């Protein structure tokens, strides 16, 4: 097979929703692909980032992988924004407004997030916004461990496709899930972490700021760090 034939073959595979390949025999024996989804270094993909994200969303489908699909969720809330964003925000899980509209961060907390993004000279169209899990937990409870284990590989694929320069983890749950720690957000914020090729900044969730407006000052300090990191990595 020459290079042109190989290129056509890989393009066809991408159109079928194949997000990457691996020579690891253990992966080929793993029917659900979970080892591949959690691969480190990042998973390769073919086609444009936009096409690759469509393939991931198609793979998720009308998801029934965890119990949340039987617990009142309306739809999967995948992600929104630029497939080539330098800045990515990761929250915890969809809320009621997000569950209805199918878009992350569209309620009051989402409106505040929009103002935070605009404060550093960007718009929502310039960034990418997603959650650790894609379905709303009942009564907006924290996601449970089995739900995170099932859903987070899709977030990893989003990160690996977009390749953001900076990731902002919004709130305790998102920061803990990404950093694999039990430390509270008050201890995690104020530091910069290396994460899947990006710099990760934990900060308070916008919903927390609605209840505790005095903490907006600390979030602004975090966002100034984000702004400088984006400048440094251009």
C-alpha atoms as a PDB file:
ATOM      1  CA  UNK A   1       0.000   0.000   0.000  1.00  0.00           C
ATOM      2  CA  UNK A   2       1.555   3.341  -1.066  1.00  0.00           C
ATOM      3  CA  UNK A   3       1.210   6.613   0.887  1.00  0.00           C
ATOM      4  CA  UNK A   4      -1.709   7.893  -1.151  1.00  0.00           C
ATOM      5  CA  UNK A   5      -3.652   4.668  -0.608  1.00  0.00           C
ATOM      6  CA  UNK A   6      -2.839   4.745   3.095  1.00  0.00           C
ATOM      7  CA  UNK A   7      -4.008   8.360   3.352  1.00  0.00           C
ATOM      8  CA  UNK A   8      -7.315   7.480   1.680  1.00  0.00           C
ATOM      9  CA  UNK A   9      -7.743   4.464   3.945  1.00  0.00           C
ATOM     10  CA  UNK A  10      -7.168   6.536   7.075  1.00  0.00           C
ATOM     11  CA  UNK A  11      -9.541   9.247   5.852  1.00  0.00           C
ATOM     12  CA  UNK A  12     -12.217   6.621   5.274  1.00  0.00           C
ATOM     13  CA  UNK A  13     -11.621   5.213   8.761  1.00  0.00           C
ATOM     14  CA  UNK A  14     -12.067   8.680  10.245  1.00  0.00           C
ATOM     15  CA  UNK A  15     -15.381   9.068   8.413  1.00  0.00           C
ATOM     16  CA  UNK A  16     -16.499   5.837  10.048  1.00  0.00           C
ATOM     17  CA  UNK A  17     -15.751   7.352  13.463  1.00  0.00           C
ATOM     18  CA  UNK A  18     -12.356   5.764  14.136  1.00  0.00           C
ATOM     19  CA  UNK A  19     -10.551   8.230  16.403  1.00  0.00           C
ATOM     20  CA  UNK A  20      -7.119   6.566  16.302  1.00  0.00           C
ATOM     21  CA  UNK A  21      -5.133   3.362  16.108  1.00  0.00           C
ATOM     22  CA  UNK A  22      -2.886   1.359  18.405  1.00  0.00           C
ATOM     23  CA  UNK A  23      -0.471  -1.524  17.870  1.00  0.00           C
ATOM     24  CA  UNK A  24      -0.847  -2.590  21.478  1.00  0.00           C
ATOM     25  CA  UNK A  25      -2.183  -6.199  21.467  1.00  0.00           C
ATOM     26  CA  UNK A  26      -3.815  -5.611  24.840  1.00  0.00           C
ATOM     27  CA  UNK A  27      -5.956  -2.879  23.309  1.00  0.00           C
ATOM     28  CA  UNK A  28      -7.084  -5.093  20.448  1.00  0.00           C
ATOM     29  CA  UNK A  29      -8.247  -7.668  22.990  1.00  0.00           C
ATOM     30  CA  UNK A  30     -10.155  -5.049  24.969  1.00  0.00           C
ATOM     31  CA  UNK A  31     -13.560  -5.017  23.367  1.00  0.00           C
ATOM     32  CA  UNK A  32     -14.839  -1.766  24.875  1.00  0.00           C
ATOM     33  CA  UNK A  33     -11.694   0.211  23.981  1.00  0.00           C
ATOM     34  CA  UNK A  34     -11.435   1.731  27.455  1.00  0.00           C
ATOM     35  CA  UNK A  35      -7.670   1.188  27.669  1.00  0.00           C
ATOM     36  CA  UNK A  36      -7.272   3.077  24.394  1.00  0.00           C
ATOM     37  CA  UNK A  37      -9.514   5.918  25.536  1.00  0.00           C
ATOM     38  CA  UNK A  38      -7.393   6.422  28.648  1.00  0.00           C
ATOM     39  CA  UNK A  39      -4.117   6.153  26.740  1.00  0.00           C
ATOM     40  CA  UNK A  40      -1.237   8.366  27.725  1.00  0.00           C
ATOM     41  CA  UNK A  41       0.335  10.000  25.704  1.00  0.00           C
ATOM     42  CA  UNK A  42      -2.718  11.509  23.989  1.00  0.00           C
ATOM     43  CA  UNK A  43      -4.663   9.412  21.511  1.00  0.00           C
ATOM     44  CA  UNK A  44      -3.949  10.152  17.819  1.00  0.00           C
ATOM     45  CA  UNK A  45      -6.783  10.983  15.455  1.00  0.00           C
ATOM     46  CA  UNK A  46      -7.274  11.609  11.761  1.00  0.00           C
ATOM     47  CA  UNK A  47      -9.056  14.444  10.002  1.00  0.00           C
ATOM     48  CA  UNK A  48      -9.705  17.939  11.311  1.00  0.00           C
ATOM     49  CA  UNK A  49     -10.437  18.559  15.010  1.00  0.00           C
ATOM     50  CA  UNK A  50     -14.035  19.399  14.112  1.00  0.00           C
ATOM     51  CA  UNK A  51     -14.437  16.091  12.280  1.00  0.00           C
ATOM     52  CA  UNK A  52     -12.819  14.191  15.127  1.00  0.00           C
ATOM     53  CA  UNK A  53     -15.163  15.766  17.686  1.00  0.00           C
ATOM     54  CA  UNK A  54     -18.148  14.804  15.524  1.00  0.00           C
ATOM     55  CA  UNK A  55     -16.830  11.238  15.526  1.00  0.00           C
ATOM     56  CA  UNK A  56     -16.616  11.229  19.335  1.00  0.00           C
ATOM     57  CA  UNK A  57     -20.136  12.644  19.650  1.00  0.00           C
ATOM     58  CA  UNK A  58     -21.388   9.995  17.243  1.00  0.00           C
ATOM     59  CA  UNK A  59     -19.640   7.340  19.307  1.00  0.00           C
ATOM     60  CA  UNK A  60     -21.429   8.536  22.455  1.00  0.00           C
ATOM     61  CA  UNK A  61     -24.811   8.414  20.713  1.00  0.00           C
ATOM     62  CA  UNK A  62     -27.911   8.399  22.929  1.00  0.00           C
ATOM     63  CA  UNK A  63     -25.728   7.039  25.685  1.00  0.00           C
ATOM     64  CA  UNK A  64     -26.914   4.230  27.961  1.00  0.00           C
ATOM     65  CA  UNK A  65     -23.487   3.273  29.337  1.00  0.00           C
ATOM     66  CA  UNK A  66     -24.215   4.327  32.929  1.00  0.00           C
ATOM     67  CA  UNK A  67     -27.315   4.558  35.100  1.00  0.00           C
ATOM     68  CA  UNK A  68     -27.901   8.271  34.487  1.00  0.00           C
ATOM     69  CA  UNK A  69     -29.827   7.575  31.300  1.00  0.00           C
ATOM     70  CA  UNK A  70     -32.519   5.977  33.485  1.00  0.00           C
ATOM     71  CA  UNK A  71     -32.547   8.766  36.071  1.00  0.00           C
ATOM     72  CA  UNK A  72     -34.312  11.600  34.295  1.00  0.00           C
ATOM     73  CA  UNK A  73     -31.695  13.080  32.016  1.00  0.00           C
ATOM     74  CA  UNK A  74     -33.135  14.622  28.850  1.00  0.00           C
ATOM     75  CA  UNK A  75     -30.132  14.409  26.552  1.00  0.00           C
ATOM     76  CA  UNK A  76     -26.365  14.122  26.328  1.00  0.00           C
ATOM     77  CA  UNK A  77     -24.589  17.474  26.750  1.00  0.00           C
ATOM     78  CA  UNK A  78     -21.384  17.057  24.768  1.00  0.00           C
ATOM     79  CA  UNK A  79     -19.466  20.329  24.484  1.00  0.00           C
ATOM     80  CA  UNK A  80     -19.491  23.642  22.664  1.00  0.00           C
ATOM     81  CA  UNK A  81     -17.018  26.097  21.193  1.00  0.00           C
ATOM     82  CA  UNK A  82     -14.006  26.132  18.928  1.00  0.00           C
ATOM     83  CA  UNK A  83     -12.506  22.717  18.032  1.00  0.00           C
ATOM     84  CA  UNK A  84      -9.121  24.468  17.858  1.00  0.00           C
ATOM     85  CA  UNK A  85      -9.430  26.503  21.054  1.00  0.00           C
ATOM     86  CA  UNK A  86      -6.323  27.471  23.006  1.00  0.00           C
ATOM     87  CA  UNK A  87      -8.437  27.657  26.172  1.00  0.00           C
ATOM     88  CA  UNK A  88     -10.781  24.947  27.450  1.00  0.00           C
ATOM     89  CA  UNK A  89     -13.100  25.061  30.461  1.00  0.00           C
ATOM     90  CA  UNK A  90     -14.127  21.831  32.198  1.00  0.00           C
ATOM     91  CA  UNK A  91     -17.024  21.774  34.629  1.00  0.00           C
ATOM     92  CA  UNK A  92     -18.644  19.053  36.659  1.00  0.00           C
ATOM     93  CA  UNK A  93     -21.885  18.010  34.950  1.00  0.00           C
ATOM     94  CA  UNK A  94     -24.870  19.552  33.164  1.00  0.00           C
ATOM     95  CA  UNK A  95     -27.550  21.278  35.229  1.00  0.00           C
ATOM     96  CA  UNK A  96     -31.247  21.689  34.502  1.00  0.00           C
ATOM     97  CA  UNK A  97     -30.860  24.397  31.832  1.00  0.00           C
ATOM     98  CA  UNK A  98     -28.046  22.499  30.138  1.00  0.00           C
ATOM     99  CA  UNK A  99     -30.068  19.290  30.158  1.00  0.00           C
ATOM    100  CA  UNK A 100     -32.892  21.053  28.304  1.00  0.00           C
ATOM    101  CA  UNK A 101     -30.760  22.938  25.778  1.00  0.00           C
ATOM    102  CA  UNK A 102     -28.002  20.369  25.257  1.00  0.00           C
ATOM    103  CA  UNK A 103     -25.301  23.034  25.735  1.00  0.00           C
ATOM    104  CA  UNK A 104     -22.949  23.309  28.751  1.00  0.00           C
ATOM    105  CA  UNK A 105     -23.058  26.402  30.974  1.00  0.00           C
ATOM    106  CA  UNK A 106     -26.170  28.202  29.728  1.00  0.00           C
ATOM    107  CA  UNK A 107     -27.894  28.960  33.067  1.00  0.00           C
ATOM    108  CA  UNK A 108     -26.987  31.705  35.549  1.00  0.00           C
ATOM    109  CA  UNK A 109     -23.599  30.138  36.198  1.00  0.00           C
ATOM    110  CA  UNK A 110     -23.040  29.960  32.454  1.00  0.00           C
ATOM    111  CA  UNK A 111     -23.850  33.635  32.051  1.00  0.00           C
ATOM    112  CA  UNK A 112     -21.249  34.444  34.692  1.00  0.00           C
ATOM    113  CA  UNK A 113     -18.741  32.187  32.929  1.00  0.00           C
ATOM    114  CA  UNK A 114     -19.371  34.141  29.732  1.00  0.00           C
ATOM    115  CA  UNK A 115     -18.517  37.392  31.551  1.00  0.00           C
ATOM    116  CA  UNK A 116     -15.364  35.792  32.971  1.00  0.00           C
ATOM    117  CA  UNK A 117     -14.282  34.751  29.464  1.00  0.00           C
ATOM    118  CA  UNK A 118     -14.987  38.225  28.099  1.00  0.00           C
ATOM    119  CA  UNK A 119     -12.967  39.782  30.940  1.00  0.00           C
ATOM    120  CA  UNK A 120      -9.776  38.286  29.462  1.00  0.00           C
ATOM    121  CA  UNK A 121     -10.609  39.489  25.965  1.00  0.00           C
ATOM    122  CA  UNK A 122     -12.186  36.337  24.532  1.00  0.00           C
ATOM    123  CA  UNK A 123     -15.682  35.153  23.627  1.00  0.00           C
ATOM    124  CA  UNK A 124     -17.404  31.817  24.101  1.00  0.00           C
ATOM    125  CA  UNK A 125     -16.771  31.119  20.416  1.00  0.00           C
ATOM    126  CA  UNK A 126     -13.017  31.389  21.054  1.00  0.00           C
ATOM    127  CA  UNK A 127     -12.925  28.716  23.785  1.00  0.00           C
ATOM    128  CA  UNK A 128     -14.234  25.184  24.265  1.00  0.00           C
ATOM    129  CA  UNK A 129     -16.523  24.266  27.169  1.00  0.00           C
ATOM    130  CA  UNK A 130     -17.296  20.745  28.371  1.00  0.00           C
ATOM    131  CA  UNK A 131     -18.030  18.767  31.537  1.00  0.00           C
ATOM    132  CA  UNK A 132     -16.488  15.738  33.193  1.00  0.00           C
ATOM    133  CA  UNK A 133     -19.734  13.843  32.646  1.00  0.00           C
ATOM    134  CA  UNK A 134     -22.208  14.464  29.850  1.00  0.00           C
ATOM    135  CA  UNK A 135     -25.558  13.755  31.536  1.00  0.00           C
ATOM    136  CA  UNK A 136     -27.322  15.589  34.347  1.00  0.00           C
ATOM    137  CA  UNK A 137     -27.329  13.737  37.685  1.00  0.00           C
ATOM    138  CA  UNK A 138     -30.683  13.786  39.508  1.00  0.00           C
ATOM    139  CA  UNK A 139     -31.203  16.918  41.622  1.00  0.00           C
ATOM    140  CA  UNK A 140     -27.779  18.082  40.419  1.00  0.00           C
ATOM    141  CA  UNK A 141     -25.998  15.789  42.875  1.00  0.00           C
ATOM    142  CA  UNK A 142     -22.287  15.175  42.472  1.00  0.00           C
ATOM    143  CA  UNK A 143     -21.428  12.537  39.864  1.00  0.00           C
ATOM    144  CA  UNK A 144     -20.656   9.146  41.349  1.00  0.00           C
ATOM    145  CA  UNK A 145     -17.433   7.238  40.777  1.00  0.00           C
ATOM    146  CA  UNK A 146     -18.882   4.724  38.321  1.00  0.00           C
ATOM    147  CA  UNK A 147     -20.439   7.530  36.283  1.00  0.00           C
ATOM    148  CA  UNK A 148     -17.126   9.364  36.073  1.00  0.00           C
ATOM    149  CA  UNK A 149     -15.233   6.185  35.153  1.00  0.00           C
ATOM    150  CA  UNK A 150     -17.688   5.548  32.336  1.00  0.00           C
ATOM    151  CA  UNK A 151     -17.805   9.069  30.943  1.00  0.00           C
ATOM    152  CA  UNK A 152     -14.388  10.647  31.464  1.00  0.00           C
ATOM    153  CA  UNK A 153     -12.713   8.826  28.528  1.00  0.00           C
ATOM    154  CA  UNK A 154     -14.851  10.961  26.226  1.00  0.00           C
ATOM    155  CA  UNK A 155     -13.557  14.100  27.939  1.00  0.00           C
ATOM    156  CA  UNK A 156      -9.997  12.827  27.470  1.00  0.00           C
ATOM    157  CA  UNK A 157     -10.694  12.411  23.773  1.00  0.00           C
ATOM    158  CA  UNK A 158     -12.073  15.948  23.575  1.00  0.00           C
ATOM    159  CA  UNK A 159      -8.924  17.302  25.241  1.00  0.00           C
ATOM    160  CA  UNK A 160      -6.594  15.267  23.033  1.00  0.00           C
ATOM    161  CA  UNK A 161      -8.396  16.405  19.868  1.00  0.00           C
ATOM    162  CA  UNK A 162      -8.612  20.100  20.750  1.00  0.00           C
ATOM    163  CA  UNK A 163      -5.111  20.237  22.235  1.00  0.00           C
ATOM    164  CA  UNK A 164      -5.769  23.381  24.288  1.00  0.00           C
ATOM    165  CA  UNK A 165      -2.843  25.328  25.655  1.00  0.00           C
ATOM    166  CA  UNK A 166      -4.677  25.982  28.926  1.00  0.00           C
ATOM    167  CA  UNK A 167      -7.457  24.078  30.722  1.00  0.00           C
ATOM    168  CA  UNK A 168      -9.466  25.707  33.489  1.00  0.00           C
ATOM    169  CA  UNK A 169     -11.037  23.206  35.909  1.00  0.00           C
ATOM    170  CA  UNK A 170     -14.168  24.828  37.302  1.00  0.00           C
ATOM    171  CA  UNK A 171     -14.835  23.838  40.886  1.00  0.00           C
ATOM    172  CA  UNK A 172     -13.815  21.173  43.340  1.00  0.00           C
ATOM    173  CA  UNK A 173     -15.297  18.214  41.510  1.00  0.00           C
ATOM    174  CA  UNK A 174     -13.770  18.946  38.098  1.00  0.00           C
ATOM    175  CA  UNK A 175     -10.361  19.685  39.626  1.00  0.00           C
ATOM    176  CA  UNK A 176     -10.423  16.527  41.725  1.00  0.00           C
ATOM    177  CA  UNK A 177     -11.538  14.378  38.804  1.00  0.00           C
ATOM    178  CA  UNK A 178      -8.831  15.676  36.476  1.00  0.00           C
ATOM    179  CA  UNK A 179      -5.999  15.772  39.006  1.00  0.00           C
ATOM    180  CA  UNK A 180      -6.955  12.536  40.793  1.00  0.00           C
ATOM    181  CA  UNK A 181      -6.882  14.129  44.218  1.00  0.00           C
ATOM    182  CA  UNK A 182      -9.161  14.655  47.201  1.00  0.00           C
ATOM    183  CA  UNK A 183      -7.777  18.100  47.982  1.00  0.00           C
ATOM    184  CA  UNK A 184     -10.352  20.914  48.150  1.00  0.00           C
ATOM    185  CA  UNK A 185     -10.393  23.603  45.475  1.00  0.00           C
ATOM    186  CA  UNK A 186      -9.159  26.123  48.051  1.00  0.00           C
ATOM    187  CA  UNK A 187      -5.915  24.155  48.247  1.00  0.00           C
ATOM    188  CA  UNK A 188      -5.661  23.355  44.535  1.00  0.00           C
ATOM    189  CA  UNK A 189      -6.212  26.823  43.100  1.00  0.00           C
ATOM    190  CA  UNK A 190      -3.363  29.273  42.816  1.00  0.00           C
ATOM    191  CA  UNK A 191      -1.114  26.674  41.200  1.00  0.00           C
ATOM    192  CA  UNK A 192      -0.405  25.594  37.610  1.00  0.00           C
ATOM    193  CA  UNK A 193      -0.410  21.890  36.744  1.00  0.00           C
ATOM    194  CA  UNK A 194       0.830  20.018  33.668  1.00  0.00           C
ATOM    195  CA  UNK A 195      -2.037  18.030  32.184  1.00  0.00           C
ATOM    196  CA  UNK A 196      -2.173  16.097  28.885  1.00  0.00           C
ATOM    197  CA  UNK A 197       0.055  18.593  27.112  1.00  0.00           C
ATOM    198  CA  UNK A 198      -1.714  21.642  28.557  1.00  0.00           C
ATOM    199  CA  UNK A 199      -1.403  23.857  31.616  1.00  0.00           C
ATOM    200  CA  UNK A 200      -4.274  23.249  34.031  1.00  0.00           C
ATOM    201  CA  UNK A 201      -5.614  26.000  36.306  1.00  0.00           C
ATOM    202  CA  UNK A 202      -8.169  25.033  38.979  1.00  0.00           C
ATOM    203  CA  UNK A 203     -10.537  27.788  40.090  1.00  0.00           C
ATOM    204  CA  UNK A 204     -13.910  28.259  41.744  1.00  0.00           C
ATOM    205  CA  UNK A 205     -17.046  27.212  39.870  1.00  0.00           C
ATOM    206  CA  UNK A 206     -19.251  30.089  38.667  1.00  0.00           C
ATOM    207  CA  UNK A 207     -22.171  28.636  40.649  1.00  0.00           C
ATOM    208  CA  UNK A 208     -20.046  28.984  43.797  1.00  0.00           C
ATOM    209  CA  UNK A 209     -19.351  32.610  42.899  1.00  0.00           C
ATOM    210  CA  UNK A 210     -23.080  33.307  42.674  1.00  0.00           C
ATOM    211  CA  UNK A 211     -23.340  32.220  46.308  1.00  0.00           C
ATOM    212  CA  UNK A 212     -20.016  33.698  47.393  1.00  0.00           C
ATOM    213  CA  UNK A 213     -19.350  36.834  45.312  1.00  0.00           C
ATOM    214  CA  UNK A 214     -16.364  37.786  47.478  1.00  0.00           C
ATOM    215  CA  UNK A 215     -14.416  34.950  45.811  1.00  0.00           C
ATOM    216  CA  UNK A 216     -14.646  36.644  42.409  1.00  0.00           C
ATOM    217  CA  UNK A 217     -11.386  38.413  43.236  1.00  0.00           C
ATOM    218  CA  UNK A 218      -9.563  35.094  43.527  1.00  0.00           C
ATOM    219  CA  UNK A 219     -11.042  33.869  40.241  1.00  0.00           C
ATOM    220  CA  UNK A 220      -9.866  37.064  38.579  1.00  0.00           C
ATOM    221  CA  UNK A 221      -6.348  36.374  39.854  1.00  0.00           C
ATOM    222  CA  UNK A 222      -6.565  32.874  38.351  1.00  0.00           C
ATOM    223  CA  UNK A 223      -7.815  34.241  35.038  1.00  0.00           C
ATOM    224  CA  UNK A 224      -4.930  36.713  34.866  1.00  0.00           C
ATOM    225  CA  UNK A 225      -2.623  33.700  35.072  1.00  0.00           C
ATOM    226  CA  UNK A 226      -4.621  32.064  32.277  1.00  0.00           C
ATOM    227  CA  UNK A 227      -4.273  35.188  30.144  1.00  0.00           C
ATOM    228  CA  UNK A 228      -0.505  35.286  30.638  1.00  0.00           C
ATOM    229  CA  UNK A 229      -0.125  31.583  29.858  1.00  0.00           C
ATOM    230  CA  UNK A 230      -2.042  32.052  26.611  1.00  0.00           C
ATOM    231  CA  UNK A 231       0.297  34.894  25.659  1.00  0.00           C
ATOM    232  CA  UNK A 232       3.412  32.919  26.549  1.00  0.00           C
ATOM    233  CA  UNK A 233       2.393  29.865  24.531  1.00  0.00           C
ATOM    234  CA  UNK A 234       1.550  31.617  21.252  1.00  0.00           C
END
